Amino acid sequence: MTVISIAVIGIAAALLAAQLKAVKGEYGVCLAMAAGLVICLYSASKLETVTETLAKVQSCIRISSVYLDTLLKMVGIACIAEFASGICKDAGYGSLGSQIEIFGKLSILAVSMPVLLALLETVRGFLS
């Protein structure tokens, strides 16, 4: 599928969900969730290309795999939090969606702490 196909799926689902919302609101939310899940799963299939490219980058510049793994974790956390937040906001629970976003940001911060510590150790090594 291309970006156009995914866009058409999203737009069609949004239009159908709007129509279903008038009849029975929960059907519209379920349809939007199903379309979002299809798009999310297709997006996850693209991760193989990203991981292969990152492995090539790692072999070229000899960077520790810990840093690239951390980067992938951070991207994954951001995508999952954004997806869940969007679903909650579409269902009318905006405050819950905002709390998911905050938790996602804090999780990214927590995952990135070892990288920050390694950077500080490197700077301290240069200053010594």
C-alpha atoms as a PDB file:
ATOM      1  CA  MET A   1       0.000   0.000   0.000  1.00  0.00           C
ATOM      2  CA  THR A   2       1.082   3.499  -0.643  1.00  0.00           C
ATOM      3  CA  VAL A   3       0.529   6.664   1.289  1.00  0.00           C
ATOM      4  CA  ILE A   4      -2.423   7.435  -0.975  1.00  0.00           C
ATOM      5  CA  SER A   5      -4.056   4.106  -0.098  1.00  0.00           C
ATOM      6  CA  ILE A   6      -3.607   4.709   3.609  1.00  0.00           C
ATOM      7  CA  ALA A   7      -4.969   8.248   3.245  1.00  0.00           C
ATOM      8  CA  VAL A   8      -8.035   6.937   1.387  1.00  0.00           C
ATOM      9  CA  ILE A   9      -8.627   4.321   4.119  1.00  0.00           C
ATOM     10  CA  GLY A  10      -8.397   7.024   6.780  1.00  0.00           C
ATOM     11  CA  ILE A  11     -10.667   9.474   4.999  1.00  0.00           C
ATOM     12  CA  ALA A  12     -13.245   6.793   4.137  1.00  0.00           C
ATOM     13  CA  ALA A  13     -13.277   5.550   7.721  1.00  0.00           C
ATOM     14  CA  ALA A  14     -13.673   9.092   9.042  1.00  0.00           C
ATOM     15  CA  LEU A  15     -16.587   9.805   6.708  1.00  0.00           C
ATOM     16  CA  LEU A  16     -18.298   6.504   7.515  1.00  0.00           C
ATOM     17  CA  ALA A  17     -17.713   7.027  11.235  1.00  0.00           C
ATOM     18  CA  ALA A  18     -19.320  10.455  11.007  1.00  0.00           C
ATOM     19  CA  GLN A  19     -22.363   8.911   9.336  1.00  0.00           C
ATOM     20  CA  LEU A  20     -22.560   6.095  11.877  1.00  0.00           C
ATOM     21  CA  LYS A  21     -22.159   8.524  14.765  1.00  0.00           C
ATOM     22  CA  ALA A  22     -25.572   9.984  13.946  1.00  0.00           C
ATOM     23  CA  VAL A  23     -27.184   6.536  14.112  1.00  0.00           C
ATOM     24  CA  LYS A  24     -25.255   4.940  16.934  1.00  0.00           C
ATOM     25  CA  GLY A  25     -22.179   6.749  18.289  1.00  0.00           C
ATOM     26  CA  GLU A  26     -20.239   3.717  19.478  1.00  0.00           C
ATOM     27  CA  TYR A  27     -20.239   2.199  15.979  1.00  0.00           C
ATOM     28  CA  GLY A  28     -18.456   5.241  14.641  1.00  0.00           C
ATOM     29  CA  VAL A  29     -15.801   4.992  17.351  1.00  0.00           C
ATOM     30  CA  CYS A  30     -15.340   1.268  16.675  1.00  0.00           C
ATOM     31  CA  LEU A  31     -14.956   1.896  12.939  1.00  0.00           C
ATOM     32  CA  ALA A  32     -12.391   4.629  13.578  1.00  0.00           C
ATOM     33  CA  MET A  33     -10.495   2.329  15.937  1.00  0.00           C
ATOM     34  CA  ALA A  34     -10.500  -0.490  13.383  1.00  0.00           C
ATOM     35  CA  ALA A  35      -9.219   1.773  10.621  1.00  0.00           C
ATOM     36  CA  GLY A  36      -6.586   3.177  12.960  1.00  0.00           C
ATOM     37  CA  LEU A  37      -5.493  -0.329  13.884  1.00  0.00           C
ATOM     38  CA  VAL A  38      -5.170  -1.318  10.214  1.00  0.00           C
ATOM     39  CA  ILE A  39      -3.069   1.762   9.525  1.00  0.00           C
ATOM     40  CA  CYS A  40      -0.990   1.165  12.668  1.00  0.00           C
ATOM     41  CA  LEU A  41      -0.295  -2.461  11.719  1.00  0.00           C
ATOM     42  CA  TYR A  42       0.721  -1.425   8.228  1.00  0.00           C
ATOM     43  CA  SER A  43       3.010   1.190   9.718  1.00  0.00           C
ATOM     44  CA  ALA A  44       4.571  -1.445  11.959  1.00  0.00           C
ATOM     45  CA  SER A  45       5.390  -3.523   8.882  1.00  0.00           C
ATOM     46  CA  LYS A  46       7.548  -0.634   7.665  1.00  0.00           C
ATOM     47  CA  LEU A  47       9.734  -0.977  10.764  1.00  0.00           C
ATOM     48  CA  GLU A  48      11.670  -3.835   9.145  1.00  0.00           C
ATOM     49  CA  THR A  49      13.065  -1.440   6.558  1.00  0.00           C
ATOM     50  CA  VAL A  50      13.956   1.060   9.274  1.00  0.00           C
ATOM     51  CA  THR A  51      15.759  -1.540  11.409  1.00  0.00           C
ATOM     52  CA  GLU A  52      17.709  -2.839   8.402  1.00  0.00           C
ATOM     53  CA  THR A  53      18.806   0.697   7.537  1.00  0.00           C
ATOM     54  CA  LEU A  54      19.783   1.423  11.133  1.00  0.00           C
ATOM     55  CA  ALA A  55      21.864  -1.769  11.179  1.00  0.00           C
ATOM     56  CA  LYS A  56      23.718  -0.543   8.073  1.00  0.00           C
ATOM     57  CA  VAL A  57      24.261   2.859   9.693  1.00  0.00           C
ATOM     58  CA  GLN A  58      25.549   1.152  12.821  1.00  0.00           C
ATOM     59  CA  SER A  59      28.060  -0.894  10.835  1.00  0.00           C
ATOM     60  CA  CYS A  60      29.269   2.184   8.939  1.00  0.00           C
ATOM     61  CA  ILE A  61      29.876   4.492  11.897  1.00  0.00           C
ATOM     62  CA  ARG A  62      30.492   1.869  14.597  1.00  0.00           C
ATOM     63  CA  ILE A  63      27.983   3.193  17.067  1.00  0.00           C
ATOM     64  CA  SER A  64      26.830   1.075  19.989  1.00  0.00           C
ATOM     65  CA  SER A  65      23.601  -0.817  19.344  1.00  0.00           C
ATOM     66  CA  VAL A  66      22.314   0.450  22.703  1.00  0.00           C
ATOM     67  CA  TYR A  67      21.846   3.919  21.242  1.00  0.00           C
ATOM     68  CA  LEU A  68      19.966   2.724  18.179  1.00  0.00           C
ATOM     69  CA  ASP A  69      17.813   0.401  20.285  1.00  0.00           C
ATOM     70  CA  THR A  70      16.983   3.333  22.539  1.00  0.00           C
ATOM     71  CA  LEU A  71      16.085   5.444  19.521  1.00  0.00           C
ATOM     72  CA  LEU A  72      13.715   2.751  18.247  1.00  0.00           C
ATOM     73  CA  LYS A  73      12.126   2.403  21.685  1.00  0.00           C
ATOM     74  CA  MET A  74      11.559   6.141  21.843  1.00  0.00           C
ATOM     75  CA  VAL A  75       9.926   6.195  18.400  1.00  0.00           C
ATOM     76  CA  GLY A  76       7.754   3.214  19.342  1.00  0.00           C
ATOM     77  CA  ILE A  77       6.623   4.818  22.582  1.00  0.00           C
ATOM     78  CA  ALA A  78       5.777   8.041  20.753  1.00  0.00           C
ATOM     79  CA  CYS A  79       3.745   6.233  18.077  1.00  0.00           C
ATOM     80  CA  ILE A  80       1.803   4.076  20.530  1.00  0.00           C
ATOM     81  CA  ALA A  81       1.068   7.004  22.845  1.00  0.00           C
ATOM     82  CA  GLU A  82      -0.063   9.192  19.959  1.00  0.00           C
ATOM     83  CA  PHE A  83      -2.311   6.434  18.576  1.00  0.00           C
ATOM     84  CA  ALA A  84      -3.913   5.705  21.955  1.00  0.00           C
ATOM     85  CA  SER A  85      -4.317   9.402  22.699  1.00  0.00           C
ATOM     86  CA  GLY A  86      -6.014  10.020  19.374  1.00  0.00           C
ATOM     87  CA  ILE A  87      -8.461   7.185  19.948  1.00  0.00           C
ATOM     88  CA  CYS A  88      -9.332   8.528  23.398  1.00  0.00           C
ATOM     89  CA  LYS A  89      -9.815  12.050  22.079  1.00  0.00           C
ATOM     90  CA  ASP A  90     -12.015  10.799  19.216  1.00  0.00           C
ATOM     91  CA  ALA A  91     -14.142   8.914  21.724  1.00  0.00           C
ATOM     92  CA  GLY A  92     -14.682  12.129  23.663  1.00  0.00           C
ATOM     93  CA  TYR A  93     -12.201  11.492  26.470  1.00  0.00           C
ATOM     94  CA  GLY A  94      -9.749  14.290  25.767  1.00  0.00           C
ATOM     95  CA  SER A  95      -8.372  14.449  29.298  1.00  0.00           C
ATOM     96  CA  LEU A  96      -7.540  10.739  29.213  1.00  0.00           C
ATOM     97  CA  GLY A  97      -5.819  11.235  25.863  1.00  0.00           C
ATOM     98  CA  SER A  98      -3.756  14.080  27.312  1.00  0.00           C
ATOM     99  CA  GLN A  99      -2.727  11.903  30.251  1.00  0.00           C
ATOM    100  CA  ILE A 100      -1.581   9.181  27.846  1.00  0.00           C
ATOM    101  CA  GLU A 101       0.507  11.777  26.003  1.00  0.00           C
ATOM    102  CA  ILE A 102       2.118  12.922  29.263  1.00  0.00           C
ATOM    103  CA  PHE A 103       2.885   9.328  30.250  1.00  0.00           C
ATOM    104  CA  GLY A 104       4.400   8.733  26.806  1.00  0.00           C
ATOM    105  CA  LYS A 105       6.647  11.766  27.159  1.00  0.00           C
ATOM    106  CA  LEU A 106       7.784  10.686  30.607  1.00  0.00           C
ATOM    107  CA  SER A 107       8.442   7.173  29.312  1.00  0.00           C
ATOM    108  CA  ILE A 108      10.593   8.564  26.515  1.00  0.00           C
ATOM    109  CA  LEU A 109      12.494  10.615  29.076  1.00  0.00           C
ATOM    110  CA  ALA A 110      13.042   7.529  31.247  1.00  0.00           C
ATOM    111  CA  VAL A 111      14.244   5.429  28.296  1.00  0.00           C
ATOM    112  CA  SER A 112      16.668   8.150  27.220  1.00  0.00           C
ATOM    113  CA  MET A 113      18.378   8.493  30.617  1.00  0.00           C
ATOM    114  CA  PRO A 114      21.142   5.916  29.905  1.00  0.00           C
ATOM    115  CA  VAL A 115      22.057   7.832  26.742  1.00  0.00           C
ATOM    116  CA  LEU A 116      22.242  11.066  28.733  1.00  0.00           C
ATOM    117  CA  LEU A 117      24.471   9.400  31.333  1.00  0.00           C
ATOM    118  CA  ALA A 118      26.772   8.054  28.602  1.00  0.00           C
ATOM    119  CA  LEU A 119      27.013  11.544  27.120  1.00  0.00           C
ATOM    120  CA  LEU A 120      27.921  13.016  30.498  1.00  0.00           C
ATOM    121  CA  GLU A 121      30.586  10.326  30.996  1.00  0.00           C
ATOM    122  CA  THR A 122      32.050  11.171  27.586  1.00  0.00           C
ATOM    123  CA  VAL A 123      32.141  14.896  28.399  1.00  0.00           C
ATOM    124  CA  ARG A 124      33.744  14.168  31.762  1.00  0.00           C
ATOM    125  CA  GLY A 125      36.375  12.044  29.984  1.00  0.00           C
ATOM    126  CA  PHE A 126      37.241  14.960  27.709  1.00  0.00           C
ATOM    127  CA  LEU A 127      37.508  17.377  30.624  1.00  0.00           C
ATOM    128  CA  SER A 128      39.798  15.117  32.669  1.00  0.00           C
END
